[in-house]
Protein backbone atom coordinates (compact mmCIF):
# COMPACT_ATOMS: atom_id res chain seq x y z
CA UNK A 1 0.00 0.00 0.00
CA UNK A 2 2.87 2.37 0.77
CA UNK A 3 5.16 1.52 -2.13
CA UNK A 4 5.14 1.63 -5.91
CA UNK A 5 1.66 1.81 -7.49
CA UNK A 6 -0.21 1.99 -4.20
CA UNK A 7 1.79 4.90 -2.83
CA UNK A 8 1.68 6.91 -6.07
CA UNK A 9 -2.11 6.81 -6.01
CA UNK A 10 -2.64 7.15 -2.28
CA UNK A 11 -0.17 10.00 -1.79
CA UNK A 12 -2.35 12.21 -4.00
CA UNK A 13 -5.49 11.39 -2.04
CA UNK A 14 -5.76 14.92 -0.62
CA UNK A 15 -6.38 16.15 -4.17
CA UNK A 16 -9.18 13.69 -4.91
CA UNK A 17 -12.57 15.06 -5.91
CA UNK A 18 -15.85 13.09 -5.84
CA UNK A 19 -15.84 12.89 -9.64
CA UNK A 20 -12.20 11.76 -9.86
CA UNK A 21 -13.42 8.28 -10.72
CA UNK A 22 -10.35 7.02 -12.58
CA UNK A 23 -7.83 7.56 -9.78
CA UNK A 24 -10.26 6.40 -7.09
CA UNK A 25 -10.89 3.22 -9.08
CA UNK A 26 -7.15 2.63 -9.46
CA UNK A 27 -6.57 2.52 -5.72
CA UNK A 28 -9.78 0.49 -5.25
CA UNK A 29 -8.62 -2.08 -7.83
CA UNK A 30 -5.19 -2.20 -6.17
CA UNK A 31 -6.76 -2.95 -2.79
CA UNK A 32 -9.32 -5.39 -4.21
CA UNK A 33 -6.53 -7.26 -5.96
CA UNK A 34 -4.77 -7.86 -2.64
CA UNK A 35 -7.72 -8.18 -0.28
CA UNK A 36 -10.64 -9.86 -2.03
CA UNK A 37 -12.72 -10.63 1.06
CA UNK A 38 -15.86 -8.65 1.81
CA UNK A 39 -17.01 -7.51 5.24
CA UNK A 40 -19.61 -10.29 5.21
CA UNK A 41 -16.81 -12.87 4.82
CA UNK A 42 -15.18 -11.61 8.02
CA UNK A 43 -18.07 -11.02 10.42
CA UNK A 44 -15.89 -11.03 13.53
CA UNK A 45 -13.62 -8.20 12.34
CA UNK A 46 -14.71 -4.59 12.51
CA UNK A 47 -13.33 -1.11 13.07
CA UNK A 48 -15.01 1.30 15.42
CA UNK A 49 -15.29 4.98 14.54
CA UNK A 50 -12.30 5.57 16.82
CA UNK A 51 -10.33 2.81 15.07
CA UNK A 52 -11.08 4.30 11.67
CA UNK A 53 -9.94 7.72 12.81
CA UNK A 54 -6.66 6.27 14.12
CA UNK A 55 -6.05 4.30 10.91
CA UNK A 56 -6.83 7.33 8.74
CA UNK A 57 -4.42 9.51 10.71
CA UNK A 58 -1.77 6.79 10.60
CA UNK A 59 -2.00 6.58 6.79
CA UNK A 60 -1.78 10.37 6.45
CA UNK A 61 1.19 10.56 8.82
CA UNK A 62 3.01 7.71 7.08
CA UNK A 63 2.55 9.24 3.63
CA UNK A 64 3.95 12.50 5.00
CA UNK A 65 6.95 10.77 6.61
CA UNK A 66 7.81 8.91 3.40
CA UNK A 67 7.38 12.00 1.24
CA UNK A 68 9.52 14.12 3.59
CA UNK A 69 12.00 11.28 4.19
CA UNK A 70 11.56 11.51 7.96
CA UNK A 71 10.46 7.91 8.53
CA UNK A 72 13.10 5.54 9.90
CA UNK A 73 14.06 3.13 7.13
CA UNK A 74 16.27 0.01 7.15
CA UNK A 75 19.29 1.48 5.37
CA UNK A 76 22.62 2.69 6.79
CA UNK A 77 22.25 6.27 8.05
CA UNK A 78 18.58 6.35 6.97
CA UNK A 79 19.67 6.74 3.34
CA UNK A 80 16.51 6.85 1.22
CA UNK A 81 18.56 6.45 -1.98
CA UNK A 82 19.27 2.85 -0.94
CA UNK A 83 15.61 1.97 -0.41
CA UNK A 84 13.98 -0.89 -2.26
CA UNK A 85 10.28 -1.64 -2.18
CA UNK A 86 11.04 -4.46 0.26
CA UNK A 87 12.93 -2.16 2.62
CA UNK A 88 10.17 0.45 2.47
CA UNK A 89 7.68 -2.29 3.37
CA UNK A 90 9.81 -3.27 6.36
CA UNK A 91 10.09 0.38 7.41
CA UNK A 92 6.33 0.89 7.23
CA UNK A 93 5.80 -2.41 9.04
CA UNK A 94 7.79 -1.01 11.94
CA UNK A 95 5.57 2.08 11.91
CA UNK A 96 2.56 -0.24 12.20
CA UNK A 97 4.14 -2.30 14.97
CA UNK A 98 5.20 0.58 17.18
CA UNK A 99 1.88 2.39 16.69
CA UNK A 100 -0.68 -0.43 16.96
CA UNK A 101 1.27 -3.27 18.66
CA UNK A 102 -0.47 -5.94 16.50
CA UNK A 103 -0.74 -9.57 17.56
CA UNK A 104 0.44 -10.68 14.10
CA UNK A 105 2.46 -8.94 11.41
CA UNK A 106 3.18 -10.58 8.04
CA UNK A 107 5.78 -9.08 5.68
CA UNK A 108 6.36 -10.36 2.14
CA UNK A 109 9.47 -9.25 0.21
CA UNK A 110 8.80 -9.21 -3.55
CA UNK A 111 11.92 -7.50 -4.91
CA UNK A 112 13.85 -10.72 -4.36
CA UNK A 113 11.87 -12.47 -7.09
CA UNK A 114 14.38 -11.73 -9.86
CA UNK A 115 16.52 -14.86 -9.60
CA UNK A 116 14.84 -16.25 -12.74
CA UNK A 117 16.74 -13.84 -14.98
CA UNK A 118 19.28 -11.78 -12.96
CA UNK A 119 21.29 -13.60 -10.31
CA UNK A 120 23.48 -10.60 -9.44
CA UNK A 121 20.46 -8.40 -8.75
CA UNK A 122 18.96 -11.26 -6.75
CA UNK A 123 22.02 -11.30 -4.49
CA UNK A 124 21.82 -7.51 -4.12
CA UNK A 125 18.16 -7.62 -3.06
CA UNK A 126 18.88 -10.60 -0.81
CA UNK A 127 21.58 -8.72 1.10
CA UNK A 128 19.30 -5.71 1.51
CA UNK A 129 16.40 -7.83 2.72
CA UNK A 130 18.69 -9.57 5.23
CA UNK A 131 19.79 -6.16 6.48
CA UNK A 132 16.13 -5.16 6.80
CA UNK A 133 15.31 -8.22 8.91
CA UNK A 134 18.13 -7.44 11.33
CA UNK A 135 17.10 -3.77 11.43
CA UNK A 136 13.51 -4.70 12.25
CA UNK A 137 14.57 -7.07 15.03
CA UNK A 138 16.74 -4.36 16.58
CA UNK A 139 13.79 -1.95 16.42
CA UNK A 140 11.59 -4.51 18.18
CA UNK A 141 14.20 -4.86 20.92
CA UNK A 142 14.11 -1.08 21.44
CA UNK A 143 10.38 -1.11 22.21
CA UNK A 144 9.50 -1.80 25.88
CA UNK A 145 6.20 -3.47 24.96
CA UNK A 146 7.42 -5.61 22.06
CA UNK A 147 10.97 -6.45 23.15
CA UNK A 148 10.20 -9.38 25.46
CA UNK A 149 6.94 -10.46 23.87
CA UNK A 150 7.74 -10.88 20.15
CA UNK A 151 8.61 -14.00 18.18
CA UNK A 152 9.98 -13.51 14.66
CA UNK A 153 9.80 -16.27 12.05
CA UNK A 154 11.74 -15.66 8.85
CA UNK A 155 11.81 -17.96 5.83
CA UNK A 156 11.77 -18.02 2.02
CA UNK A 157 8.79 -19.58 0.27
CA UNK A 158 10.93 -22.12 -1.64
CA UNK A 159 14.45 -23.00 -2.67
CA UNK A 160 16.11 -22.89 -6.10
CA UNK A 161 16.86 -25.51 -8.72
CA UNK A 162 20.25 -27.16 -8.39
CA UNK A 163 21.08 -26.32 -12.03
CA UNK A 164 20.80 -22.81 -13.50
CA UNK A 165 18.74 -21.95 -16.55
CA UNK A 166 20.30 -20.51 -19.73
CA UNK A 167 20.02 -16.81 -18.78
CA UNK A 168 23.39 -15.23 -17.95
CA UNK A 169 23.62 -11.81 -16.27
CA UNK A 170 26.19 -9.03 -16.82
CA UNK A 171 28.57 -10.62 -14.30
CA UNK A 172 28.46 -14.04 -15.93
CA UNK A 173 26.21 -15.68 -13.34
CA UNK A 174 23.48 -18.06 -14.43
CA UNK A 175 19.91 -17.49 -13.27
CA UNK A 176 17.90 -20.05 -11.32
CA UNK A 177 14.29 -21.13 -11.46
CA UNK A 178 12.35 -23.25 -8.97
CA UNK A 179 10.52 -26.28 -10.31
CA UNK A 180 10.07 -29.69 -8.74
CA UNK A 181 13.62 -30.85 -8.14
CA UNK A 182 14.68 -31.66 -4.57
CA UNK A 183 16.80 -28.53 -4.22
CA UNK A 184 13.89 -26.21 -4.99
CA UNK A 185 12.06 -27.83 -2.07
CA UNK A 186 15.00 -27.24 0.29
CA UNK A 187 14.74 -24.12 2.43
CA UNK A 188 15.30 -22.84 5.96
CA UNK A 189 13.39 -21.15 8.74
CA UNK A 190 14.70 -18.90 11.47
CA UNK A 191 12.69 -18.57 14.68
CA UNK A 192 13.92 -16.01 17.22
CA UNK A 193 12.42 -14.60 20.37
CA UNK A 194 13.01 -13.87 24.05
CA UNK A 195 14.82 -16.54 26.12
CA UNK A 196 11.73 -17.40 28.13
CA UNK A 197 9.75 -18.25 25.00
CA UNK A 198 12.18 -19.49 22.31
CA UNK A 199 15.05 -21.95 22.69
CA UNK A 200 18.24 -19.97 22.12
CA UNK A 201 21.16 -20.87 19.80
CA UNK A 202 19.54 -24.08 18.56
CA UNK A 203 20.08 -25.54 15.08
CA UNK A 204 17.87 -28.41 13.88
CA UNK A 205 17.97 -30.46 10.71
CA UNK A 206 20.66 -30.98 8.10
CA UNK A 207 21.03 -31.22 4.34
CA UNK A 208 19.92 -34.85 4.24
CA UNK A 209 17.71 -34.81 7.31
CA UNK A 210 15.25 -31.90 7.27
CA UNK A 211 13.66 -30.93 10.56
CA UNK A 212 10.38 -29.66 9.15
CA UNK A 213 8.50 -28.49 6.05
CA UNK A 214 7.22 -25.10 4.93
CA UNK A 215 3.62 -26.16 5.66
CA UNK A 216 4.59 -26.30 9.35
CA UNK A 217 4.94 -22.53 9.63
CA UNK A 218 1.23 -21.64 9.77
CA UNK A 219 0.49 -24.23 12.53
CA UNK A 220 3.53 -22.87 14.38
CA UNK A 221 2.09 -19.35 14.22
CA UNK A 222 -1.27 -20.65 15.45
CA UNK A 223 0.53 -22.43 18.29
CA UNK A 224 2.42 -19.26 19.22
CA UNK A 225 -0.79 -17.24 19.31
CA UNK A 226 -2.56 -19.92 21.34
CA UNK A 227 -5.38 -21.13 19.09
CA UNK A 228 -3.92 -24.13 17.25
CA UNK A 229 -6.11 -26.58 19.17
CA UNK A 230 -9.23 -24.68 18.09
CA UNK A 231 -8.59 -25.48 14.40
CA UNK A 232 -9.91 -28.83 13.09
CA UNK A 233 -6.87 -30.88 12.10
CA UNK A 234 -8.14 -31.57 8.57
CA UNK A 235 -8.19 -27.81 7.83
CA UNK A 236 -4.54 -27.17 8.60
CA UNK A 237 -1.83 -29.51 7.26
CA UNK A 238 1.58 -29.56 8.88
CA UNK A 239 2.53 -29.45 12.55
CA UNK A 240 3.62 -26.88 15.10
CA UNK A 241 7.38 -26.69 15.55
CA UNK A 242 7.11 -26.98 19.32
CA UNK A 243 10.79 -27.94 19.60
CA UNK A 244 11.65 -24.30 18.87
CA UNK A 245 9.90 -23.10 22.02
CA UNK A 246 10.65 -23.34 25.72
């Protein structure tokens, strides 16, 4: 919402007129494309008038901070020239976390998805995203409410093929796809949190002996939030990674 197409439309919202149908429809289509549930599909979720006022003011303040480059961002020395869409998302996510203290925050990094045709750029985005994860964790540790009550789970959605495709970048590196070979199914997960909640300095699994699967992450989140046992087992494949927790 706060980067690329979403931000370019939303940041001009103060200039909208009731008959400015084209621009209003653009932001509506952007939101509908990402959140296709209706209010009737989510009967237990609602915003009060006070909630709506807080959210509206948060959006206005965040747009202003990004436009004026006063928002903390995950780059060395708050350098906006080094921002990617992923890093802006992480920066805005911190604004959400410190303002609303949500029970659950999900961040998806899309800039990384260039390994299919540009391996060098993939490495560049990967390093920046890694920096952003560390930056966010340090921010969480600086917040008295979140510091000792936050678990972070970080993982890619899949691995990469063992053999590159035939696309070579400017530095001579081959690009990689992800299909159905064993290597594209090999990934990792990092679970960190306060000592009283997460086992510290523990490494599980190995190259030939995986400890878990990617489908285990959602049950693990449900376990962390305390409602895993309320979900019928046939609706949620995978298992909770209880060995990661104290």
